[in-house]
C-alpha atoms as a PDB file:
ATOM      1  CA  MET A   1       0.000   0.000   0.000  1.00  0.00           C
ATOM      2  CA  ASN A   2       1.480   3.369  -0.916  1.00  0.00           C
ATOM      3  CA  SER A   3       1.432   6.484   1.289  1.00  0.00           C
ATOM      4  CA  ARG A   4      -1.379   8.101  -0.689  1.00  0.00           C
ATOM      5  CA  GLN A   5      -3.628   5.106  -0.070  1.00  0.00           C
ATOM      6  CA  THR A   6      -2.696   5.162   3.609  1.00  0.00           C
ATOM      7  CA  ALA A   7      -3.521   8.869   3.857  1.00  0.00           C
ATOM      8  CA  LEU A   8      -6.911   8.311   2.218  1.00  0.00           C
ATOM      9  CA  SER A   9      -7.580   5.422   4.549  1.00  0.00           C
ATOM     10  CA  THR A  10      -6.615   7.554   7.546  1.00  0.00           C
ATOM     11  CA  ASP A  11      -8.977  10.281   6.330  1.00  0.00           C
ATOM     12  CA  ASP A  12     -11.721   7.688   5.956  1.00  0.00           C
ATOM     13  CA  TYR A  13     -11.198   6.513   9.535  1.00  0.00           C
ATOM     14  CA  LEU A  14     -11.300  10.078  10.780  1.00  0.00           C
ATOM     15  CA  ASP A  15     -14.522  10.711   8.850  1.00  0.00           C
ATOM     16  CA  LEU A  16     -16.028   7.562  10.366  1.00  0.00           C
ATOM     17  CA  TYR A  17     -14.905   8.650  13.814  1.00  0.00           C
ATOM     18  CA  LEU A  18     -16.537  12.067  13.389  1.00  0.00           C
ATOM     19  CA  LEU A  19     -19.723  10.438  12.126  1.00  0.00           C
ATOM     20  CA  ALA A  20     -19.786   8.104  15.115  1.00  0.00           C
ATOM     21  CA  LYS A  21     -19.250  11.077  17.404  1.00  0.00           C
ATOM     22  CA  GLU A  22     -22.033  13.009  15.701  1.00  0.00           C
ATOM     23  CA  ILE A  23     -24.527  10.188  16.218  1.00  0.00           C
ATOM     24  CA  LYS A  24     -23.161   9.630  19.734  1.00  0.00           C
ATOM     25  CA  ASP A  25     -22.127   6.007  19.149  1.00  0.00           C
ATOM     26  CA  GLU A  26     -19.246   5.670  21.611  1.00  0.00           C
ATOM     27  CA  THR A  27     -18.649   2.001  20.817  1.00  0.00           C
ATOM     28  CA  TRP A  28     -18.207   2.795  17.137  1.00  0.00           C
ATOM     29  CA  GLN A  29     -15.918   5.704  18.060  1.00  0.00           C
ATOM     30  CA  GLN A  30     -13.679   3.421  20.118  1.00  0.00           C
ATOM     31  CA  GLU A  31     -13.642   0.735  17.403  1.00  0.00           C
ATOM     32  CA  THR A  32     -12.736   3.334  14.778  1.00  0.00           C
ATOM     33  CA  LEU A  33      -9.943   4.748  16.962  1.00  0.00           C
ATOM     34  CA  ALA A  34      -8.585   1.248  17.599  1.00  0.00           C
ATOM     35  CA  ALA A  35      -8.604   0.460  13.871  1.00  0.00           C
ATOM     36  CA  LEU A  36      -6.852   3.759  13.101  1.00  0.00           C
ATOM     37  CA  LYS A  37      -4.150   3.101  15.709  1.00  0.00           C
ATOM     38  CA  THR A  38      -3.619  -0.408  14.348  1.00  0.00           C
ATOM     39  CA  GLN A  39      -3.272   0.967  10.837  1.00  0.00           C
ATOM     40  CA  GLN A  40      -0.794   3.631  11.962  1.00  0.00           C
ATOM     41  CA  ASN A  41       1.270   1.065  13.881  1.00  0.00           C
ATOM     42  CA  ARG A  42       1.360  -1.225  10.852  1.00  0.00           C
ATOM     43  CA  SER A  43       2.412   1.675   8.631  1.00  0.00           C
ATOM     44  CA  PHE A  44       5.250   2.626  11.007  1.00  0.00           C
ATOM     45  CA  GLU A  45       6.423  -0.984  11.256  1.00  0.00           C
ATOM     46  CA  GLU A  46       6.454  -1.371   7.471  1.00  0.00           C
ATOM     47  CA  LYS A  47       8.428   1.851   7.011  1.00  0.00           C
ATOM     48  CA  GLN A  48      10.882   0.948   9.762  1.00  0.00           C
ATOM     49  CA  SER A  49      11.361  -2.548   8.385  1.00  0.00           C
ATOM     50  CA  ALA A  50      12.045  -1.113   4.917  1.00  0.00           C
ATOM     51  CA  LEU A  51      14.528   1.346   6.443  1.00  0.00           C
ATOM     52  CA  VAL A  52      16.390  -1.441   8.250  1.00  0.00           C
ATOM     53  CA  GLN A  53      16.504  -3.456   5.029  1.00  0.00           C
ATOM     54  CA  GLU A  54      17.802  -0.453   3.050  1.00  0.00           C
ATOM     55  CA  ILE A  55      20.536   0.290   5.588  1.00  0.00           C
ATOM     56  CA  TRP A  56      21.491  -3.392   5.674  1.00  0.00           C
ATOM     57  CA  GLU A  57      21.816  -3.466   1.864  1.00  0.00           C
ATOM     58  CA  ASP A  58      23.999  -0.326   1.970  1.00  0.00           C
ATOM     59  CA  PHE A  59      26.115  -1.970   4.669  1.00  0.00           C
ATOM     60  CA  LYS A  60      26.646  -5.137   2.618  1.00  0.00           C
ATOM     61  CA  GLN A  61      27.517  -3.123  -0.490  1.00  0.00           C
ATOM     62  CA  LEU A  62      29.968  -1.020   1.514  1.00  0.00           C
ATOM     63  CA  ASN A  63      31.645  -4.178   2.825  1.00  0.00           C
ATOM     64  CA  GLU A  64      32.166  -5.319  -0.755  1.00  0.00           C
ATOM     65  CA  VAL A  65      33.835  -2.004  -1.621  1.00  0.00           C
ATOM     66  CA  ILE A  66      36.024  -2.282   1.487  1.00  0.00           C
ATOM     67  CA  SER A  67      37.026  -5.802   0.495  1.00  0.00           C
ATOM     68  CA  PHE A  68      37.912  -4.612  -3.008  1.00  0.00           C
ATOM     69  CA  THR A  69      39.937  -1.720  -1.573  1.00  0.00           C
ATOM     70  CA  TYR A  70      41.856  -4.147   0.672  1.00  0.00           C
ATOM     71  CA  ARG A  71      42.810  -6.149  -2.404  1.00  0.00           C
ATOM     72  CA  LEU A  72      44.034  -2.957  -4.091  1.00  0.00           C
ATOM     73  CA  ILE A  73      46.127  -2.118  -1.031  1.00  0.00           C
ATOM     74  CA  GLN A  74      47.659  -5.584  -1.069  1.00  0.00           C
ATOM     75  CA  LYS A  75      48.799  -4.967  -4.641  1.00  0.00           C
ATOM     76  CA  GLU A  76      50.045  -1.449  -3.915  1.00  0.00           C
ATOM     77  CA  PRO A  77      50.698  -1.107  -0.155  1.00  0.00           C
ATOM     78  CA  THR A  78      52.324   2.314  -0.493  1.00  0.00           C
ATOM     79  CA  ASN A  79      49.447   3.926  -2.390  1.00  0.00           C
ATOM     80  CA  GLU A  80      48.219   6.645  -0.038  1.00  0.00           C
ATOM     81  CA  GLN A  81      45.050   7.208  -2.082  1.00  0.00           C
ATOM     82  CA  PHE A  82      43.866   3.658  -1.342  1.00  0.00           C
ATOM     83  CA  GLN A  83      44.675   4.080   2.361  1.00  0.00           C
ATOM     84  CA  THR A  84      42.659   7.309   2.500  1.00  0.00           C
ATOM     85  CA  LYS A  85      39.768   5.701   0.672  1.00  0.00           C
ATOM     86  CA  LEU A  86      39.797   2.795   3.117  1.00  0.00           C
ATOM     87  CA  ARG A  87      39.718   5.182   6.090  1.00  0.00           C
ATOM     88  CA  HIS A  88      36.665   6.955   4.656  1.00  0.00           C
ATOM     89  CA  LEU A  89      34.948   3.660   3.935  1.00  0.00           C
ATOM     90  CA  ARG A  90      35.529   2.473   7.506  1.00  0.00           C
ATOM     91  CA  GLU A  91      34.082   5.725   8.861  1.00  0.00           C
ATOM     92  CA  ARG A  92      31.028   5.258   6.633  1.00  0.00           C
ATOM     93  CA  ARG A  93      30.644   1.684   7.907  1.00  0.00           C
ATOM     94  CA  ILE A  94      30.665   2.931  11.502  1.00  0.00           C
ATOM     95  CA  THR A  95      27.973   5.471  10.625  1.00  0.00           C
ATOM     96  CA  LEU A  96      25.855   2.810   8.909  1.00  0.00           C
ATOM     97  CA  SER A  97      26.286   0.506  11.908  1.00  0.00           C
ATOM     98  CA  ARG A  98      24.918   3.210  14.188  1.00  0.00           C
ATOM     99  CA  GLU A  99      22.012   3.913  11.833  1.00  0.00           C
ATOM    100  CA  LEU A 100      21.201   0.217  11.652  1.00  0.00           C
ATOM    101  CA  TYR A 101      21.330  -0.130  15.423  1.00  0.00           C
ATOM    102  CA  LEU A 102      19.024   2.855  15.958  1.00  0.00           C
ATOM    103  CA  ALA A 103      16.540   1.773  13.294  1.00  0.00           C
ATOM    104  CA  LYS A 104      16.349  -1.740  14.750  1.00  0.00           C
ATOM    105  CA  LYS A 105      16.008  -0.335  18.263  1.00  0.00           C
ATOM    106  CA  GLN A 106      13.117   1.916  17.226  1.00  0.00           C
ATOM    107  CA  TYR A 107      11.424  -0.972  15.456  1.00  0.00           C
ATOM    108  CA  VAL A 108      11.734  -3.256  18.492  1.00  0.00           C
ATOM    109  CA  GLU A 109      10.566  -0.548  20.922  1.00  0.00           C
ATOM    110  CA  HIS A 110       7.558   0.208  18.765  1.00  0.00           C
ATOM    111  CA  THR A 111       6.515  -3.427  18.403  1.00  0.00           C
ATOM    112  CA  GLN A 112       6.653  -4.147  22.147  1.00  0.00           C
END
Protein backbone atom coordinates (compact mmCIF):
# COMPACT_ATOMS: atom_id res chain seq x y z
CA MET A 1 0.00 0.00 0.00
CA ASN A 2 1.48 3.37 -0.92
CA SER A 3 1.43 6.48 1.29
CA ARG A 4 -1.38 8.10 -0.69
CA GLN A 5 -3.63 5.11 -0.07
CA THR A 6 -2.70 5.16 3.61
CA ALA A 7 -3.52 8.87 3.86
CA LEU A 8 -6.91 8.31 2.22
CA SER A 9 -7.58 5.42 4.55
CA THR A 10 -6.61 7.55 7.55
CA ASP A 11 -8.98 10.28 6.33
CA ASP A 12 -11.72 7.69 5.96
CA TYR A 13 -11.20 6.51 9.53
CA LEU A 14 -11.30 10.08 10.78
CA ASP A 15 -14.52 10.71 8.85
CA LEU A 16 -16.03 7.56 10.37
CA TYR A 17 -14.91 8.65 13.81
CA LEU A 18 -16.54 12.07 13.39
CA LEU A 19 -19.72 10.44 12.13
CA ALA A 20 -19.79 8.10 15.12
CA LYS A 21 -19.25 11.08 17.40
CA GLU A 22 -22.03 13.01 15.70
CA ILE A 23 -24.53 10.19 16.22
CA LYS A 24 -23.16 9.63 19.73
CA ASP A 25 -22.13 6.01 19.15
CA GLU A 26 -19.25 5.67 21.61
CA THR A 27 -18.65 2.00 20.82
CA TRP A 28 -18.21 2.80 17.14
CA GLN A 29 -15.92 5.70 18.06
CA GLN A 30 -13.68 3.42 20.12
CA GLU A 31 -13.64 0.73 17.40
CA THR A 32 -12.74 3.33 14.78
CA LEU A 33 -9.94 4.75 16.96
CA ALA A 34 -8.58 1.25 17.60
CA ALA A 35 -8.60 0.46 13.87
CA LEU A 36 -6.85 3.76 13.10
CA LYS A 37 -4.15 3.10 15.71
CA THR A 38 -3.62 -0.41 14.35
CA GLN A 39 -3.27 0.97 10.84
CA GLN A 40 -0.79 3.63 11.96
CA ASN A 41 1.27 1.06 13.88
CA ARG A 42 1.36 -1.23 10.85
CA SER A 43 2.41 1.68 8.63
CA PHE A 44 5.25 2.63 11.01
CA GLU A 45 6.42 -0.98 11.26
CA GLU A 46 6.45 -1.37 7.47
CA LYS A 47 8.43 1.85 7.01
CA GLN A 48 10.88 0.95 9.76
CA SER A 49 11.36 -2.55 8.39
CA ALA A 50 12.05 -1.11 4.92
CA LEU A 51 14.53 1.35 6.44
CA VAL A 52 16.39 -1.44 8.25
CA GLN A 53 16.50 -3.46 5.03
CA GLU A 54 17.80 -0.45 3.05
CA ILE A 55 20.54 0.29 5.59
CA TRP A 56 21.49 -3.39 5.67
CA GLU A 57 21.82 -3.47 1.86
CA ASP A 58 24.00 -0.33 1.97
CA PHE A 59 26.11 -1.97 4.67
CA LYS A 60 26.65 -5.14 2.62
CA GLN A 61 27.52 -3.12 -0.49
CA LEU A 62 29.97 -1.02 1.51
CA ASN A 63 31.64 -4.18 2.82
CA GLU A 64 32.17 -5.32 -0.75
CA VAL A 65 33.84 -2.00 -1.62
CA ILE A 66 36.02 -2.28 1.49
CA SER A 67 37.03 -5.80 0.49
CA PHE A 68 37.91 -4.61 -3.01
CA THR A 69 39.94 -1.72 -1.57
CA TYR A 70 41.86 -4.15 0.67
CA ARG A 71 42.81 -6.15 -2.40
CA LEU A 72 44.03 -2.96 -4.09
CA ILE A 73 46.13 -2.12 -1.03
CA GLN A 74 47.66 -5.58 -1.07
CA LYS A 75 48.80 -4.97 -4.64
CA GLU A 76 50.04 -1.45 -3.92
CA PRO A 77 50.70 -1.11 -0.15
CA THR A 78 52.32 2.31 -0.49
CA ASN A 79 49.45 3.93 -2.39
CA GLU A 80 48.22 6.65 -0.04
CA GLN A 81 45.05 7.21 -2.08
CA PHE A 82 43.87 3.66 -1.34
CA GLN A 83 44.68 4.08 2.36
CA THR A 84 42.66 7.31 2.50
CA LYS A 85 39.77 5.70 0.67
CA LEU A 86 39.80 2.79 3.12
CA ARG A 87 39.72 5.18 6.09
CA HIS A 88 36.67 6.95 4.66
CA LEU A 89 34.95 3.66 3.94
CA ARG A 90 35.53 2.47 7.51
CA GLU A 91 34.08 5.73 8.86
CA ARG A 92 31.03 5.26 6.63
CA ARG A 93 30.64 1.68 7.91
CA ILE A 94 30.66 2.93 11.50
CA THR A 95 27.97 5.47 10.63
CA LEU A 96 25.86 2.81 8.91
CA SER A 97 26.29 0.51 11.91
CA ARG A 98 24.92 3.21 14.19
CA GLU A 99 22.01 3.91 11.83
CA LEU A 100 21.20 0.22 11.65
CA TYR A 101 21.33 -0.13 15.42
CA LEU A 102 19.02 2.86 15.96
CA ALA A 103 16.54 1.77 13.29
CA LYS A 104 16.35 -1.74 14.75
CA LYS A 105 16.01 -0.34 18.26
CA GLN A 106 13.12 1.92 17.23
CA TYR A 107 11.42 -0.97 15.46
CA VAL A 108 11.73 -3.26 18.49
CA GLU A 109 10.57 -0.55 20.92
CA HIS A 110 7.56 0.21 18.76
CA THR A 111 6.52 -3.43 18.40
CA GLN A 112 6.65 -4.15 22.15
